[in-house]
Amino acid sequence: MENKQKLRARYRKIRKNISVGRKIPAENSALEFIDQLMGKNEIILSYANFGDEFNTENINRLIALKGKLALPKITGNSLTIYLVDDPQRQTAIQENGMREPIPTLCKEIDPEMIGSALIPAIAFDRNGHRIGYGKGFYDRFLAGKNISTYGIGFKEQLTAECIPVTPEDLSVKALALF
């Protein structure tokens, strides 16, 4: 079994090499999934994609139109969650290169208000285990919370191998791979 670092490197390369012609239909299929998810009438935690992550721009616009979009901002060693009405105007690229909410333009919300969360990763296994960037932000944030988590990404990010986990690693409850 490969260790996390080797799996991370292998799947980052796989994700980077997914063609635009493959990405666009996948992102359109994701919009249909999100439309169904929004039927639950709950706030959805998403993310602003970074680098070659699954593109969430259209997803976030759709969720924001319904007034249900929450986005994370890295604050120290944790995530602070903001309700975002207009992702284009209420977020900015930070020093770390990631697009995050601008606190003065958004409302910070209690994480207990979140019903579902779209969780990015570099790779997923069939058990919902994931390999992220290794900082543990989502694992710490989700610990002890009753949020329906969906690992979102491309089908190519699914590994047949079992991803090694530690007690701190939280798995997603379902995979939404397109």
C-alpha atoms as a PDB file:
ATOM      1  CA  MET A   1       0.000   0.000   0.000  1.00  0.00           C
ATOM      2  CA  GLU A   2       1.302   3.429  -0.930  1.00  0.00           C
ATOM      3  CA  ASN A   3       1.697   5.999   1.795  1.00  0.00           C
ATOM      4  CA  LYS A   4      -0.233   9.267   1.724  1.00  0.00           C
ATOM      5  CA  GLN A   5       2.632  11.306   0.290  1.00  0.00           C
ATOM      6  CA  LYS A   6       3.032   8.970  -2.697  1.00  0.00           C
ATOM      7  CA  LEU A   7      -0.712   8.788  -3.294  1.00  0.00           C
ATOM      8  CA  ARG A   8      -0.941  12.574  -3.012  1.00  0.00           C
ATOM      9  CA  ALA A   9       1.793  13.046  -5.624  1.00  0.00           C
ATOM     10  CA  ARG A  10       0.322  10.439  -7.984  1.00  0.00           C
ATOM     11  CA  TYR A  11      -3.223  11.801  -7.818  1.00  0.00           C
ATOM     12  CA  ARG A  12      -2.155  15.430  -8.085  1.00  0.00           C
ATOM     13  CA  LYS A  13      -0.535  14.475 -11.388  1.00  0.00           C
ATOM     14  CA  ILE A  14      -3.669  12.587 -12.490  1.00  0.00           C
ATOM     15  CA  ARG A  15      -5.907  15.535 -11.580  1.00  0.00           C
ATOM     16  CA  LYS A  16      -3.601  18.004 -13.313  1.00  0.00           C
ATOM     17  CA  ASN A  17      -3.772  15.975 -16.534  1.00  0.00           C
ATOM     18  CA  ILE A  18      -7.573  15.857 -16.791  1.00  0.00           C
ATOM     19  CA  SER A  19      -8.473  17.552 -20.066  1.00  0.00           C
ATOM     20  CA  VAL A  20     -10.709  20.607 -20.336  1.00  0.00           C
ATOM     21  CA  GLY A  21     -12.968  18.532 -22.591  1.00  0.00           C
ATOM     22  CA  ARG A  22     -13.427  16.097 -19.711  1.00  0.00           C
ATOM     23  CA  LYS A  23     -13.761  18.776 -17.000  1.00  0.00           C
ATOM     24  CA  ILE A  24     -16.623  20.797 -18.528  1.00  0.00           C
ATOM     25  CA  PRO A  25     -19.177  17.928 -18.745  1.00  0.00           C
ATOM     26  CA  ALA A  26     -18.200  16.841 -15.224  1.00  0.00           C
ATOM     27  CA  GLU A  27     -18.804  20.346 -13.871  1.00  0.00           C
ATOM     28  CA  ASN A  28     -22.184  20.492 -15.646  1.00  0.00           C
ATOM     29  CA  SER A  29     -23.180  17.151 -14.085  1.00  0.00           C
ATOM     30  CA  ALA A  30     -22.192  18.526 -10.700  1.00  0.00           C
ATOM     31  CA  LEU A  31     -24.636  21.419 -11.154  1.00  0.00           C
ATOM     32  CA  GLU A  32     -27.489  18.911 -11.471  1.00  0.00           C
ATOM     33  CA  PHE A  33     -26.352  17.199  -8.263  1.00  0.00           C
ATOM     34  CA  ILE A  34     -26.148  20.535  -6.430  1.00  0.00           C
ATOM     35  CA  ASP A  35     -29.602  21.529  -7.645  1.00  0.00           C
ATOM     36  CA  GLN A  36     -30.999  18.352  -6.017  1.00  0.00           C
ATOM     37  CA  LEU A  37     -28.961  18.915  -2.859  1.00  0.00           C
ATOM     38  CA  MET A  38     -30.362  22.435  -2.489  1.00  0.00           C
ATOM     39  CA  GLY A  39     -33.851  20.952  -2.326  1.00  0.00           C
ATOM     40  CA  LYS A  40     -33.109  20.143   1.320  1.00  0.00           C
ATOM     41  CA  ASN A  41     -33.372  23.888   2.055  1.00  0.00           C
ATOM     42  CA  GLU A  42     -30.164  24.061   4.072  1.00  0.00           C
ATOM     43  CA  ILE A  43     -26.955  26.034   4.000  1.00  0.00           C
ATOM     44  CA  ILE A  44     -24.245  24.331   1.958  1.00  0.00           C
ATOM     45  CA  LEU A  45     -20.572  24.738   2.750  1.00  0.00           C
ATOM     46  CA  SER A  46     -18.604  24.797  -0.478  1.00  0.00           C
ATOM     47  CA  TYR A  47     -15.109  26.026  -1.328  1.00  0.00           C
ATOM     48  CA  ALA A  48     -13.503  28.284  -3.898  1.00  0.00           C
ATOM     49  CA  ASN A  49     -11.405  26.015  -6.065  1.00  0.00           C
ATOM     50  CA  PHE A  50      -7.658  26.378  -6.041  1.00  0.00           C
ATOM     51  CA  GLY A  51      -5.292  25.367  -8.838  1.00  0.00           C
ATOM     52  CA  ASP A  52      -6.582  22.285 -10.649  1.00  0.00           C
ATOM     53  CA  GLU A  53      -9.231  21.380  -8.062  1.00  0.00           C
ATOM     54  CA  PHE A  54     -12.747  20.622  -9.238  1.00  0.00           C
ATOM     55  CA  ASN A  55     -14.098  23.987 -10.402  1.00  0.00           C
ATOM     56  CA  THR A  56     -16.804  25.263  -8.048  1.00  0.00           C
ATOM     57  CA  GLU A  57     -17.406  28.717  -9.545  1.00  0.00           C
ATOM     58  CA  ASN A  58     -20.725  27.822 -11.213  1.00  0.00           C
ATOM     59  CA  ILE A  59     -21.744  25.653  -8.260  1.00  0.00           C
ATOM     60  CA  ASN A  60     -21.107  28.512  -5.861  1.00  0.00           C
ATOM     61  CA  ARG A  61     -23.048  30.987  -8.001  1.00  0.00           C
ATOM     62  CA  LEU A  62     -26.018  28.608  -8.090  1.00  0.00           C
ATOM     63  CA  ILE A  63     -25.969  28.049  -4.319  1.00  0.00           C
ATOM     64  CA  ALA A  64     -25.509  31.789  -3.681  1.00  0.00           C
ATOM     65  CA  LEU A  65     -28.553  32.613  -5.836  1.00  0.00           C
ATOM     66  CA  LYS A  66     -30.612  30.603  -3.345  1.00  0.00           C
ATOM     67  CA  GLY A  67     -28.962  32.367  -0.374  1.00  0.00           C
ATOM     68  CA  LYS A  68     -27.453  29.116   0.891  1.00  0.00           C
ATOM     69  CA  LEU A  69     -23.713  29.468   0.160  1.00  0.00           C
ATOM     70  CA  ALA A  70     -21.188  29.225   2.958  1.00  0.00           C
ATOM     71  CA  LEU A  71     -17.453  29.451   2.266  1.00  0.00           C
ATOM     72  CA  PRO A  72     -14.489  28.829   4.574  1.00  0.00           C
ATOM     73  CA  LYS A  73     -11.674  31.190   5.448  1.00  0.00           C
ATOM     74  CA  ILE A  74      -8.479  29.913   7.012  1.00  0.00           C
ATOM     75  CA  THR A  75      -8.032  31.620  10.367  1.00  0.00           C
ATOM     76  CA  GLY A  76      -4.855  30.450  12.072  1.00  0.00           C
ATOM     77  CA  ASN A  77      -5.167  26.675  12.303  1.00  0.00           C
ATOM     78  CA  SER A  78      -8.919  26.471  11.717  1.00  0.00           C
ATOM     79  CA  LEU A  79     -11.728  27.418   9.359  1.00  0.00           C
ATOM     80  CA  THR A  80     -14.130  30.305   9.925  1.00  0.00           C
ATOM     81  CA  ILE A  81     -17.342  30.055   7.920  1.00  0.00           C
ATOM     82  CA  TYR A  82     -19.083  32.942   6.165  1.00  0.00           C
ATOM     83  CA  LEU A  83     -22.411  33.237   4.386  1.00  0.00           C
ATOM     84  CA  VAL A  84     -21.647  34.593   0.909  1.00  0.00           C
ATOM     85  CA  ASP A  85     -24.301  36.160  -1.324  1.00  0.00           C
ATOM     86  CA  ASP A  86     -22.002  37.153  -4.198  1.00  0.00           C
ATOM     87  CA  PRO A  87     -18.861  35.004  -4.510  1.00  0.00           C
ATOM     88  CA  GLN A  88     -17.377  37.286  -7.167  1.00  0.00           C
ATOM     89  CA  ARG A  89     -17.543  40.447  -5.047  1.00  0.00           C
ATOM     90  CA  GLN A  90     -17.342  39.018  -1.524  1.00  0.00           C
ATOM     91  CA  THR A  91     -14.198  36.907  -1.952  1.00  0.00           C
ATOM     92  CA  ALA A  92     -10.598  37.704  -2.781  1.00  0.00           C
ATOM     93  CA  ILE A  93      -7.396  35.811  -3.436  1.00  0.00           C
ATOM     94  CA  GLN A  94      -5.321  35.727  -0.266  1.00  0.00           C
ATOM     95  CA  GLU A  95      -1.553  35.557   0.278  1.00  0.00           C
ATOM     96  CA  ASN A  96      -1.780  31.749   0.261  1.00  0.00           C
ATOM     97  CA  GLY A  97      -3.209  31.923  -3.290  1.00  0.00           C
ATOM     98  CA  MET A  98      -6.646  30.753  -2.201  1.00  0.00           C
ATOM     99  CA  ARG A  99      -9.888  32.662  -2.801  1.00  0.00           C
ATOM    100  CA  GLU A 100     -11.609  33.241   0.530  1.00  0.00           C
ATOM    101  CA  PRO A 101     -14.445  35.358   1.900  1.00  0.00           C
ATOM    102  CA  ILE A 102     -13.744  38.986   2.787  1.00  0.00           C
ATOM    103  CA  PRO A 103     -14.932  39.162   6.416  1.00  0.00           C
ATOM    104  CA  THR A 104     -16.078  42.790   6.202  1.00  0.00           C
ATOM    105  CA  LEU A 105     -18.372  41.953   3.252  1.00  0.00           C
ATOM    106  CA  CYS A 106     -19.851  38.690   4.577  1.00  0.00           C
ATOM    107  CA  LYS A 107     -21.604  37.437   7.673  1.00  0.00           C
ATOM    108  CA  GLU A 108     -19.789  34.889   9.836  1.00  0.00           C
ATOM    109  CA  ILE A 109     -22.132  32.027  10.654  1.00  0.00           C
ATOM    110  CA  ASP A 110     -22.338  29.315  13.277  1.00  0.00           C
ATOM    111  CA  PRO A 111     -21.137  26.027  11.739  1.00  0.00           C
ATOM    112  CA  GLU A 112     -24.230  24.358  13.220  1.00  0.00           C
ATOM    113  CA  MET A 113     -26.265  26.158  10.525  1.00  0.00           C
ATOM    114  CA  ILE A 114     -24.572  24.067   7.808  1.00  0.00           C
ATOM    115  CA  GLY A 115     -26.540  21.067   6.594  1.00  0.00           C
ATOM    116  CA  SER A 116     -24.233  19.806   3.843  1.00  0.00           C
ATOM    117  CA  ALA A 117     -20.604  20.338   2.920  1.00  0.00           C
ATOM    118  CA  LEU A 118     -18.721  19.849  -0.339  1.00  0.00           C
ATOM    119  CA  ILE A 119     -15.273  18.625   0.600  1.00  0.00           C
ATOM    120  CA  PRO A 120     -12.355  18.849  -1.834  1.00  0.00           C
ATOM    121  CA  ALA A 121      -9.524  16.351  -1.979  1.00  0.00           C
ATOM    122  CA  ILE A 122      -6.712  15.144  -4.131  1.00  0.00           C
ATOM    123  CA  ALA A 123      -7.952  11.540  -3.956  1.00  0.00           C
ATOM    124  CA  PHE A 124     -10.799   9.528  -2.422  1.00  0.00           C
ATOM    125  CA  ASP A 125     -11.270   5.833  -1.779  1.00  0.00           C
ATOM    126  CA  ARG A 126     -14.542   3.891  -1.826  1.00  0.00           C
ATOM    127  CA  ASN A 127     -14.838   4.176   1.967  1.00  0.00           C
ATOM    128  CA  GLY A 128     -14.956   7.973   1.809  1.00  0.00           C
ATOM    129  CA  HIS A 129     -11.413   8.417   3.070  1.00  0.00           C
ATOM    130  CA  ARG A 130      -9.654  11.314   1.427  1.00  0.00           C
ATOM    131  CA  ILE A 131      -6.239  12.755   0.860  1.00  0.00           C
ATOM    132  CA  GLY A 132      -6.181  16.519   1.083  1.00  0.00           C
ATOM    133  CA  TYR A 133      -3.200  18.806   1.221  1.00  0.00           C
ATOM    134  CA  GLY A 134      -2.134  17.475   4.608  1.00  0.00           C
ATOM    135  CA  LYS A 135      -3.038  20.441   6.819  1.00  0.00           C
ATOM    136  CA  GLY A 136      -6.155  18.868   8.412  1.00  0.00           C
ATOM    137  CA  PHE A 137      -8.375  21.971   8.228  1.00  0.00           C
ATOM    138  CA  TYR A 138     -11.512  20.076   7.198  1.00  0.00           C
ATOM    139  CA  ASP A 139     -10.862  17.211   9.633  1.00  0.00           C
ATOM    140  CA  ARG A 140     -10.633  19.623  12.572  1.00  0.00           C
ATOM    141  CA  PHE A 141     -13.597  21.668  11.376  1.00  0.00           C
ATOM    142  CA  LEU A 142     -15.926  18.689  10.852  1.00  0.00           C
ATOM    143  CA  ALA A 143     -14.996  16.829  14.045  1.00  0.00           C
ATOM    144  CA  GLY A 144     -18.066  16.394  16.224  1.00  0.00           C
ATOM    145  CA  LYS A 145     -20.445  18.135  13.810  1.00  0.00           C
ATOM    146  CA  ASN A 146     -23.549  16.614  12.245  1.00  0.00           C
ATOM    147  CA  ILE A 147     -22.999  17.767   8.659  1.00  0.00           C
ATOM    148  CA  SER A 148     -23.684  15.655   5.565  1.00  0.00           C
ATOM    149  CA  THR A 149     -20.332  15.611   3.795  1.00  0.00           C
ATOM    150  CA  TYR A 150     -19.835  14.993   0.099  1.00  0.00           C
ATOM    151  CA  GLY A 151     -16.418  14.415  -1.399  1.00  0.00           C
ATOM    152  CA  ILE A 152     -16.603  16.302  -4.673  1.00  0.00           C
ATOM    153  CA  GLY A 153     -14.291  15.886  -7.623  1.00  0.00           C
ATOM    154  CA  PHE A 154     -13.578  13.971 -10.791  1.00  0.00           C
ATOM    155  CA  LYS A 155     -14.053  10.210 -11.216  1.00  0.00           C
ATOM    156  CA  GLU A 156     -10.320  10.028 -11.907  1.00  0.00           C
ATOM    157  CA  GLN A 157      -9.698  10.977  -8.264  1.00  0.00           C
ATOM    158  CA  LEU A 158     -11.132   7.685  -6.991  1.00  0.00           C
ATOM    159  CA  THR A 159      -8.427   5.219  -6.020  1.00  0.00           C
ATOM    160  CA  ALA A 160      -9.051   1.482  -5.801  1.00  0.00           C
ATOM    161  CA  GLU A 161      -6.591   1.359  -2.915  1.00  0.00           C
ATOM    162  CA  CYS A 162      -7.557   2.023   0.678  1.00  0.00           C
ATOM    163  CA  ILE A 163      -6.198   5.379   1.742  1.00  0.00           C
ATOM    164  CA  PRO A 164      -4.261   5.086   4.996  1.00  0.00           C
ATOM    165  CA  VAL A 165      -5.951   7.011   7.802  1.00  0.00           C
ATOM    166  CA  THR A 166      -5.120   8.226  11.271  1.00  0.00           C
ATOM    167  CA  PRO A 167      -7.616   8.732  14.127  1.00  0.00           C
ATOM    168  CA  GLU A 168      -7.795  12.450  13.206  1.00  0.00           C
ATOM    169  CA  ASP A 169      -8.798  11.755   9.582  1.00  0.00           C
ATOM    170  CA  LEU A 170     -12.524  12.060   8.942  1.00  0.00           C
ATOM    171  CA  SER A 171     -14.104  10.385   5.948  1.00  0.00           C
ATOM    172  CA  VAL A 172     -16.863  11.925   3.852  1.00  0.00           C
ATOM    173  CA  LYS A 173     -20.319  10.363   4.069  1.00  0.00           C
ATOM    174  CA  ALA A 174     -20.809  10.173   0.293  1.00  0.00           C
ATOM    175  CA  LEU A 175     -18.849  10.681  -2.913  1.00  0.00           C
ATOM    176  CA  ALA A 176     -19.994  13.064  -5.636  1.00  0.00           C
ATOM    177  CA  LEU A 177     -17.489  12.285  -8.363  1.00  0.00           C
ATOM    178  CA  PHE A 178     -18.235  13.323 -11.923  1.00  0.00           C
END
